[in-house]
Amino acid sequence: ASPFLRSLNLSEAYILTGFIDIDLIIERKLNTTISDIFKKKGEKFFRKYEEKITLNEVSKLNTVISLGGGAFINPKIRRQVQIHCTSFWLDLDVPLLKERLINSKKRPLLKNNDLNSVLEKIYKDRKKIYALADFKIDCKKLNVESVANKIIELYESK
């Protein structure tokens, strides 16, 4: 299957393998945005709901699952990912993260704060846990297609 997948573009590969975005599932089930969930119900509610949805999804076969940045921090989620999945840490340094997120309205932990300081703290706090992923991909100089190809390459090498 791998040479076939390599010849497909990223969106076609997602369709064939199944693509699950946990944040998108949460937004659809609750009929609101992640930012509004944080604002109206708080981070604690969101994290519990995220855990419930994620634990339901991670055992599915032939899927690519996109977790939010805080999901892998949760020990229950991380344990199930380690049992059922091959995990990839898509690493970017803080300056690039800041550049990509400076105008984002979708990141509740970054709102109303000094973006650089918050990103530095989150990165510092999370990187040891992210390092528990099966693979780390330095995304600094990679476009989306290159990242996808690297994931496929690493997945096939395991």
N, C-alpha and C. Protein backbone atom coordinates (compact mmCIF):
# COMPACT_ATOMS: atom_id res chain seq x y z
N ALA A 1 0.82 -1.20 0.00
CA ALA A 1 0.00 0.00 0.00
C ALA A 1 0.86 1.25 0.00
N SER A 2 2.06 1.19 0.54
CA SER A 2 2.85 2.40 0.69
C SER A 2 3.22 3.08 -0.63
N PRO A 3 3.67 2.35 -1.68
CA PRO A 3 3.97 3.08 -2.92
C PRO A 3 2.72 3.77 -3.47
N PHE A 4 1.58 3.15 -3.29
CA PHE A 4 0.33 3.74 -3.73
C PHE A 4 0.05 5.03 -2.96
N LEU A 5 0.18 4.97 -1.64
CA LEU A 5 -0.08 6.16 -0.83
C LEU A 5 0.90 7.28 -1.18
N ARG A 6 2.14 6.93 -1.45
CA ARG A 6 3.12 7.94 -1.78
C ARG A 6 2.75 8.70 -3.05
N SER A 7 2.05 8.04 -3.95
CA SER A 7 1.70 8.70 -5.21
C SER A 7 0.45 9.58 -5.08
N LEU A 8 -0.18 9.55 -3.95
CA LEU A 8 -1.38 10.36 -3.73
C LEU A 8 -1.01 11.69 -3.11
N ASN A 9 -1.86 12.69 -3.31
CA ASN A 9 -1.62 13.92 -2.59
C ASN A 9 -2.17 13.75 -1.16
N LEU A 10 -1.86 14.69 -0.31
CA LEU A 10 -2.18 14.58 1.11
C LEU A 10 -3.67 14.38 1.36
N SER A 11 -4.52 15.17 0.71
CA SER A 11 -5.96 15.06 0.97
C SER A 11 -6.50 13.71 0.51
N GLU A 12 -5.98 13.17 -0.59
CA GLU A 12 -6.42 11.84 -1.04
C GLU A 12 -5.99 10.76 -0.06
N ALA A 13 -4.79 10.88 0.48
CA ALA A 13 -4.32 9.91 1.47
C ALA A 13 -5.20 9.95 2.72
N TYR A 14 -5.58 11.16 3.15
CA TYR A 14 -6.47 11.29 4.31
C TYR A 14 -7.80 10.58 4.06
N ILE A 15 -8.34 10.74 2.87
CA ILE A 15 -9.63 10.13 2.54
C ILE A 15 -9.51 8.61 2.60
N LEU A 16 -8.44 8.07 2.06
CA LEU A 16 -8.26 6.62 2.04
C LEU A 16 -7.98 6.03 3.42
N THR A 17 -7.23 6.74 4.23
CA THR A 17 -6.88 6.20 5.53
C THR A 17 -7.90 6.57 6.59
N GLY A 18 -8.63 7.62 6.38
CA GLY A 18 -9.53 8.14 7.40
C GLY A 18 -8.78 9.19 8.19
N PHE A 19 -9.34 10.34 8.32
CA PHE A 19 -8.70 11.42 9.07
C PHE A 19 -9.64 11.91 10.14
N ILE A 20 -9.16 11.95 11.36
CA ILE A 20 -9.96 12.38 12.50
C ILE A 20 -9.25 13.56 13.16
N ASP A 21 -9.94 14.68 13.25
CA ASP A 21 -9.44 15.85 13.97
C ASP A 21 -10.26 15.96 15.24
N ILE A 22 -9.62 15.68 16.36
CA ILE A 22 -10.34 15.63 17.65
C ILE A 22 -11.01 16.97 17.96
N ASP A 23 -10.31 18.07 17.74
CA ASP A 23 -10.91 19.38 18.01
C ASP A 23 -12.15 19.61 17.15
N LEU A 24 -12.08 19.21 15.90
CA LEU A 24 -13.24 19.37 15.00
C LEU A 24 -14.42 18.51 15.47
N ILE A 25 -14.15 17.30 15.91
CA ILE A 25 -15.22 16.45 16.44
C ILE A 25 -15.87 17.12 17.65
N ILE A 26 -15.05 17.65 18.54
CA ILE A 26 -15.57 18.33 19.74
C ILE A 26 -16.44 19.52 19.34
N GLU A 27 -15.95 20.33 18.41
CA GLU A 27 -16.72 21.49 17.97
C GLU A 27 -18.05 21.08 17.35
N ARG A 28 -18.05 20.03 16.57
CA ARG A 28 -19.29 19.57 15.94
C ARG A 28 -20.26 19.00 16.97
N LYS A 29 -19.75 18.20 17.90
CA LYS A 29 -20.63 17.58 18.90
C LYS A 29 -21.25 18.63 19.83
N LEU A 30 -20.48 19.65 20.17
CA LEU A 30 -20.96 20.68 21.08
C LEU A 30 -21.51 21.91 20.35
N ASN A 31 -21.42 21.88 19.02
CA ASN A 31 -21.95 22.95 18.18
C ASN A 31 -21.43 24.34 18.58
N THR A 32 -20.12 24.39 18.84
CA THR A 32 -19.48 25.65 19.19
C THR A 32 -17.98 25.52 18.94
N THR A 33 -17.25 26.61 19.09
CA THR A 33 -15.81 26.59 18.87
C THR A 33 -15.07 26.21 20.16
N ILE A 34 -13.84 25.78 20.00
CA ILE A 34 -12.99 25.46 21.16
C ILE A 34 -12.84 26.71 22.03
N SER A 35 -12.64 27.86 21.40
CA SER A 35 -12.50 29.12 22.16
C SER A 35 -13.74 29.39 23.01
N ASP A 36 -14.92 29.19 22.43
CA ASP A 36 -16.16 29.41 23.19
C ASP A 36 -16.31 28.40 24.33
N ILE A 37 -15.89 27.16 24.09
CA ILE A 37 -15.95 26.16 25.16
C ILE A 37 -15.08 26.61 26.33
N PHE A 38 -13.86 27.05 26.04
CA PHE A 38 -12.96 27.54 27.09
C PHE A 38 -13.58 28.73 27.81
N LYS A 39 -14.17 29.65 27.02
CA LYS A 39 -14.73 30.87 27.59
C LYS A 39 -15.95 30.58 28.47
N LYS A 40 -16.86 29.72 27.99
CA LYS A 40 -18.12 29.50 28.68
C LYS A 40 -18.08 28.38 29.72
N LYS A 41 -17.27 27.35 29.46
CA LYS A 41 -17.28 26.19 30.36
C LYS A 41 -15.94 25.93 31.02
N GLY A 42 -14.89 26.57 30.52
CA GLY A 42 -13.57 26.46 31.13
C GLY A 42 -12.71 25.34 30.56
N GLU A 43 -11.42 25.45 30.85
CA GLU A 43 -10.47 24.47 30.34
C GLU A 43 -10.71 23.08 30.94
N LYS A 44 -11.08 23.02 32.22
CA LYS A 44 -11.29 21.73 32.87
C LYS A 44 -12.39 20.93 32.16
N PHE A 45 -13.50 21.58 31.84
CA PHE A 45 -14.58 20.92 31.10
C PHE A 45 -14.07 20.44 29.75
N PHE A 46 -13.35 21.32 29.04
CA PHE A 46 -12.84 20.96 27.72
C PHE A 46 -11.94 19.74 27.80
N ARG A 47 -11.01 19.73 28.75
CA ARG A 47 -10.05 18.62 28.85
C ARG A 47 -10.75 17.30 29.14
N LYS A 48 -11.79 17.31 29.97
CA LYS A 48 -12.54 16.07 30.25
C LYS A 48 -13.28 15.60 29.00
N TYR A 49 -13.88 16.52 28.29
CA TYR A 49 -14.60 16.16 27.06
C TYR A 49 -13.62 15.69 25.99
N GLU A 50 -12.49 16.36 25.88
CA GLU A 50 -11.44 15.97 24.94
C GLU A 50 -10.97 14.54 25.26
N GLU A 51 -10.81 14.23 26.52
CA GLU A 51 -10.39 12.89 26.94
C GLU A 51 -11.42 11.85 26.50
N LYS A 52 -12.67 12.12 26.76
CA LYS A 52 -13.74 11.19 26.40
C LYS A 52 -13.75 10.91 24.89
N ILE A 53 -13.72 11.97 24.10
CA ILE A 53 -13.76 11.83 22.64
C ILE A 53 -12.50 11.12 22.14
N THR A 54 -11.34 11.53 22.63
CA THR A 54 -10.08 10.97 22.16
C THR A 54 -9.97 9.49 22.50
N LEU A 55 -10.33 9.11 23.71
CA LEU A 55 -10.23 7.70 24.10
C LEU A 55 -11.15 6.83 23.26
N ASN A 56 -12.24 7.40 22.79
CA ASN A 56 -13.15 6.69 21.90
C ASN A 56 -12.57 6.52 20.50
N GLU A 57 -11.75 7.45 20.07
CA GLU A 57 -11.25 7.46 18.69
C GLU A 57 -9.92 6.73 18.50
N VAL A 58 -9.05 6.70 19.52
CA VAL A 58 -7.67 6.22 19.30
C VAL A 58 -7.55 4.73 18.98
N SER A 59 -8.56 3.96 19.26
CA SER A 59 -8.45 2.52 18.97
C SER A 59 -8.94 2.17 17.57
N LYS A 60 -9.41 3.16 16.82
CA LYS A 60 -9.89 2.89 15.46
C LYS A 60 -8.71 2.58 14.54
N LEU A 61 -8.93 1.64 13.64
CA LEU A 61 -7.87 1.23 12.71
C LEU A 61 -7.86 2.09 11.46
N ASN A 62 -6.71 2.14 10.83
CA ASN A 62 -6.54 2.82 9.54
C ASN A 62 -6.99 4.27 9.56
N THR A 63 -6.59 4.97 10.60
CA THR A 63 -6.95 6.38 10.69
C THR A 63 -5.73 7.22 11.04
N VAL A 64 -5.78 8.46 10.62
CA VAL A 64 -4.82 9.47 11.03
C VAL A 64 -5.59 10.35 12.00
N ILE A 65 -5.05 10.54 13.20
CA ILE A 65 -5.75 11.30 14.22
C ILE A 65 -4.92 12.54 14.57
N SER A 66 -5.55 13.69 14.48
CA SER A 66 -4.93 14.94 14.87
C SER A 66 -5.38 15.29 16.28
N LEU A 67 -4.42 15.33 17.19
CA LEU A 67 -4.72 15.72 18.58
C LEU A 67 -4.37 17.18 18.79
N GLY A 68 -5.12 17.84 19.63
CA GLY A 68 -4.76 19.19 20.03
C GLY A 68 -3.50 19.14 20.88
N GLY A 69 -2.82 20.26 21.01
CA GLY A 69 -1.54 20.31 21.73
C GLY A 69 -1.58 19.83 23.17
N GLY A 70 -2.72 19.98 23.82
CA GLY A 70 -2.81 19.57 25.22
C GLY A 70 -3.22 18.12 25.42
N ALA A 71 -3.70 17.46 24.38
CA ALA A 71 -4.23 16.11 24.52
C ALA A 71 -3.17 15.10 24.96
N PHE A 72 -2.00 15.15 24.35
CA PHE A 72 -0.94 14.17 24.65
C PHE A 72 -0.39 14.37 26.06
N ILE A 73 -0.66 15.52 26.65
CA ILE A 73 -0.24 15.80 28.02
C ILE A 73 -1.05 14.95 29.00
N ASN A 74 -2.28 14.65 28.64
CA ASN A 74 -3.17 13.84 29.48
C ASN A 74 -2.64 12.40 29.55
N PRO A 75 -2.32 11.90 30.76
CA PRO A 75 -1.73 10.56 30.87
C PRO A 75 -2.61 9.44 30.32
N LYS A 76 -3.93 9.56 30.48
CA LYS A 76 -4.83 8.52 29.97
C LYS A 76 -4.81 8.49 28.44
N ILE A 77 -4.87 9.66 27.84
CA ILE A 77 -4.82 9.75 26.38
C ILE A 77 -3.47 9.25 25.88
N ARG A 78 -2.39 9.74 26.50
CA ARG A 78 -1.05 9.36 26.07
C ARG A 78 -0.86 7.84 26.16
N ARG A 79 -1.33 7.23 27.21
CA ARG A 79 -1.20 5.77 27.38
C ARG A 79 -1.91 5.03 26.25
N GLN A 80 -3.13 5.45 25.92
CA GLN A 80 -3.88 4.78 24.86
C GLN A 80 -3.25 5.02 23.49
N VAL A 81 -2.72 6.21 23.28
CA VAL A 81 -2.01 6.50 22.03
C VAL A 81 -0.80 5.58 21.93
N GLN A 82 -0.07 5.42 23.03
CA GLN A 82 1.12 4.56 23.01
C GLN A 82 0.76 3.09 22.76
N ILE A 83 -0.41 2.67 23.20
CA ILE A 83 -0.85 1.28 22.99
C ILE A 83 -1.36 1.07 21.56
N HIS A 84 -2.18 1.97 21.07
CA HIS A 84 -2.91 1.75 19.82
C HIS A 84 -2.36 2.45 18.59
N CYS A 85 -1.48 3.42 18.76
CA CYS A 85 -1.11 4.30 17.65
C CYS A 85 0.40 4.40 17.47
N THR A 86 0.78 4.96 16.36
CA THR A 86 2.13 5.44 16.15
C THR A 86 2.03 6.96 16.24
N SER A 87 2.79 7.56 17.14
CA SER A 87 2.64 8.99 17.38
C SER A 87 3.82 9.78 16.80
N PHE A 88 3.50 11.00 16.39
CA PHE A 88 4.47 11.90 15.77
C PHE A 88 4.38 13.25 16.45
N TRP A 89 5.52 13.75 16.93
CA TRP A 89 5.60 15.10 17.45
C TRP A 89 6.06 15.98 16.30
N LEU A 90 5.18 16.86 15.85
CA LEU A 90 5.50 17.80 14.79
C LEU A 90 6.05 19.06 15.45
N ASP A 91 7.36 19.13 15.54
CA ASP A 91 8.03 20.15 16.33
C ASP A 91 8.34 21.40 15.51
N LEU A 92 8.00 22.53 16.10
CA LEU A 92 8.37 23.85 15.57
C LEU A 92 8.97 24.65 16.71
N ASP A 93 9.95 25.49 16.42
CA ASP A 93 10.49 26.33 17.49
C ASP A 93 9.52 27.49 17.76
N VAL A 94 9.72 28.13 18.88
CA VAL A 94 8.80 29.17 19.34
C VAL A 94 8.68 30.34 18.35
N PRO A 95 9.76 30.85 17.77
CA PRO A 95 9.58 31.95 16.81
C PRO A 95 8.67 31.58 15.63
N LEU A 96 8.81 30.36 15.11
CA LEU A 96 7.93 29.94 14.02
C LEU A 96 6.50 29.73 14.49
N LEU A 97 6.35 29.17 15.68
CA LEU A 97 4.99 29.02 16.25
C LEU A 97 4.33 30.39 16.38
N LYS A 98 5.09 31.35 16.89
CA LYS A 98 4.55 32.71 17.06
C LYS A 98 4.14 33.29 15.72
N GLU A 99 4.99 33.13 14.72
CA GLU A 99 4.69 33.64 13.38
C GLU A 99 3.39 33.04 12.84
N ARG A 100 3.18 31.74 13.07
CA ARG A 100 2.00 31.06 12.55
C ARG A 100 0.74 31.35 13.37
N LEU A 101 0.92 31.68 14.64
CA LEU A 101 -0.24 31.80 15.52
C LEU A 101 -0.59 33.23 15.91
N ILE A 102 0.18 34.19 15.46
CA ILE A 102 0.01 35.57 15.92
C ILE A 102 -1.41 36.09 15.70
N ASN A 103 -2.06 35.70 14.62
CA ASN A 103 -3.41 36.19 14.36
C ASN A 103 -4.50 35.13 14.60
N SER A 104 -4.13 34.03 15.20
CA SER A 104 -5.08 32.95 15.41
C SER A 104 -6.12 33.31 16.46
N LYS A 105 -7.36 33.02 16.15
CA LYS A 105 -8.45 33.22 17.10
C LYS A 105 -8.88 31.87 17.69
N LYS A 106 -8.23 30.78 17.26
CA LYS A 106 -8.65 29.44 17.64
C LYS A 106 -7.90 28.87 18.84
N ARG A 107 -6.95 29.58 19.38
CA ARG A 107 -6.11 29.04 20.45
C ARG A 107 -6.42 29.75 21.77
N PRO A 108 -7.32 29.19 22.56
CA PRO A 108 -7.76 29.88 23.77
C PRO A 108 -6.65 30.13 24.80
N LEU A 109 -5.66 29.27 24.88
CA LEU A 109 -4.58 29.49 25.85
C LEU A 109 -3.67 30.65 25.46
N LEU A 110 -3.79 31.11 24.22
CA LEU A 110 -2.94 32.20 23.75
C LEU A 110 -3.63 33.55 23.77
N LYS A 111 -4.92 33.58 24.05
CA LYS A 111 -5.67 34.83 24.01
C LYS A 111 -5.32 35.72 25.21
N ASN A 112 -5.32 37.02 24.94
CA ASN A 112 -5.14 38.03 25.98
C ASN A 112 -3.86 37.86 26.78
N ASN A 113 -2.84 37.34 26.16
CA ASN A 113 -1.57 37.15 26.85
C ASN A 113 -0.44 37.58 25.94
N ASP A 114 0.75 37.72 26.53
CA ASP A 114 1.94 37.97 25.74
C ASP A 114 2.26 36.69 25.00
N LEU A 115 2.02 36.68 23.70
CA LEU A 115 2.12 35.47 22.89
C LEU A 115 3.47 34.78 23.04
N ASN A 116 4.54 35.54 22.97
CA ASN A 116 5.88 34.95 23.04
C ASN A 116 6.10 34.26 24.39
N SER A 117 5.75 34.93 25.48
CA SER A 117 5.94 34.35 26.82
C SER A 117 5.10 33.09 27.01
N VAL A 118 3.84 33.14 26.56
CA VAL A 118 2.96 31.98 26.71
C VAL A 118 3.47 30.81 25.89
N LEU A 119 3.87 31.07 24.64
CA LEU A 119 4.40 30.00 23.80
C LEU A 119 5.67 29.40 24.39
N GLU A 120 6.55 30.24 24.91
CA GLU A 120 7.79 29.75 25.55
C GLU A 120 7.45 28.83 26.72
N LYS A 121 6.50 29.26 27.55
CA LYS A 121 6.13 28.47 28.72
C LYS A 121 5.49 27.14 28.31
N ILE A 122 4.53 27.19 27.39
CA ILE A 122 3.84 25.97 26.94
C ILE A 122 4.85 25.01 26.33
N TYR A 123 5.73 25.54 25.47
CA TYR A 123 6.73 24.69 24.82
C TYR A 123 7.64 24.04 25.86
N LYS A 124 8.13 24.85 26.79
CA LYS A 124 9.03 24.34 27.84
C LYS A 124 8.33 23.29 28.69
N ASP A 125 7.08 23.56 29.06
CA ASP A 125 6.33 22.65 29.92
C ASP A 125 5.98 21.33 29.22
N ARG A 126 5.76 21.38 27.92
CA ARG A 126 5.25 20.21 27.21
C ARG A 126 6.30 19.39 26.47
N LYS A 127 7.45 19.96 26.17
CA LYS A 127 8.38 19.27 25.27
C LYS A 127 8.87 17.93 25.81
N LYS A 128 9.02 17.78 27.12
CA LYS A 128 9.46 16.48 27.67
C LYS A 128 8.39 15.42 27.46
N ILE A 129 7.14 15.82 27.54
CA ILE A 129 6.05 14.86 27.31
C ILE A 129 5.90 14.60 25.81
N TYR A 130 5.98 15.64 25.00
CA TYR A 130 5.92 15.43 23.55
C TYR A 130 7.04 14.50 23.08
N ALA A 131 8.19 14.56 23.76
CA ALA A 131 9.33 13.71 23.39
C ALA A 131 9.03 12.22 23.59
N LEU A 132 7.93 11.89 24.26
CA LEU A 132 7.52 10.49 24.44
C LEU A 132 6.84 9.94 23.19
N ALA A 133 6.58 10.80 22.22
CA ALA A 133 6.01 10.33 20.95
C ALA A 133 7.00 9.36 20.30
N ASP A 134 6.47 8.50 19.45
CA ASP A 134 7.33 7.52 18.78
C ASP A 134 8.36 8.20 17.87
N PHE A 135 7.95 9.28 17.23
CA PHE A 135 8.84 9.98 16.31
C PHE A 135 8.71 11.48 16.50
N LYS A 136 9.82 12.19 16.30
CA LYS A 136 9.82 13.65 16.32
C LYS A 136 10.21 14.12 14.93
N ILE A 137 9.43 15.04 14.39
CA ILE A 137 9.72 15.61 13.08
C ILE A 137 9.96 17.11 13.25
N ASP A 138 11.14 17.55 12.87
CA ASP A 138 11.45 18.98 12.90
C ASP A 138 10.81 19.60 11.67
N CYS A 139 9.79 20.40 11.89
CA CYS A 139 8.98 20.95 10.79
C CYS A 139 9.43 22.33 10.33
N LYS A 140 10.54 22.81 10.86
CA LYS A 140 10.99 24.17 10.55
C LYS A 140 11.04 24.49 9.06
N LYS A 141 11.59 23.58 8.29
CA LYS A 141 11.79 23.88 6.87
C LYS A 141 10.92 23.00 5.97
N LEU A 142 9.85 22.44 6.53
CA LEU A 142 9.01 21.53 5.76
C LEU A 142 7.64 22.12 5.49
N ASN A 143 7.14 21.90 4.27
CA ASN A 143 5.75 22.27 3.98
C ASN A 143 4.85 21.08 4.36
N VAL A 144 3.56 21.25 4.21
CA VAL A 144 2.60 20.22 4.63
C VAL A 144 2.85 18.90 3.92
N GLU A 145 3.07 18.95 2.62
CA GLU A 145 3.32 17.71 1.85
C GLU A 145 4.59 17.01 2.33
N SER A 146 5.63 17.77 2.63
CA SER A 146 6.88 17.18 3.11
C SER A 146 6.70 16.53 4.48
N VAL A 147 5.92 17.17 5.33
CA VAL A 147 5.63 16.59 6.65
C VAL A 147 4.88 15.28 6.47
N ALA A 148 3.86 15.29 5.61
CA ALA A 148 3.08 14.07 5.36
C ALA A 148 3.96 12.95 4.82
N ASN A 149 4.84 13.27 3.89
CA ASN A 149 5.75 12.27 3.34
C ASN A 149 6.71 11.74 4.40
N LYS A 150 7.17 12.62 5.29
CA LYS A 150 8.06 12.20 6.37
C LYS A 150 7.31 11.26 7.32
N ILE A 151 6.07 11.57 7.62
CA ILE A 151 5.25 10.69 8.47
C ILE A 151 5.13 9.30 7.85
N ILE A 152 4.82 9.27 6.56
CA ILE A 152 4.68 7.99 5.86
C ILE A 152 6.00 7.22 5.89
N GLU A 153 7.08 7.91 5.61
CA GLU A 153 8.42 7.29 5.62
C GLU A 153 8.75 6.70 6.99
N LEU A 154 8.53 7.49 8.05
CA LEU A 154 8.83 7.01 9.40
C LEU A 154 7.89 5.87 9.81
N TYR A 155 6.64 5.99 9.45
CA TYR A 155 5.65 4.95 9.78
C TYR A 155 6.06 3.62 9.14
N GLU A 156 6.47 3.69 7.88
CA GLU A 156 6.86 2.47 7.17
C GLU A 156 8.15 1.87 7.71
N SER A 157 8.99 2.69 8.33
CA SER A 157 10.29 2.22 8.83
C SER A 157 10.18 1.50 10.17
N LYS A 158 9.05 1.62 10.84
CA LYS A 158 8.95 1.05 12.19
C LYS A 158 8.77 -0.44 12.19
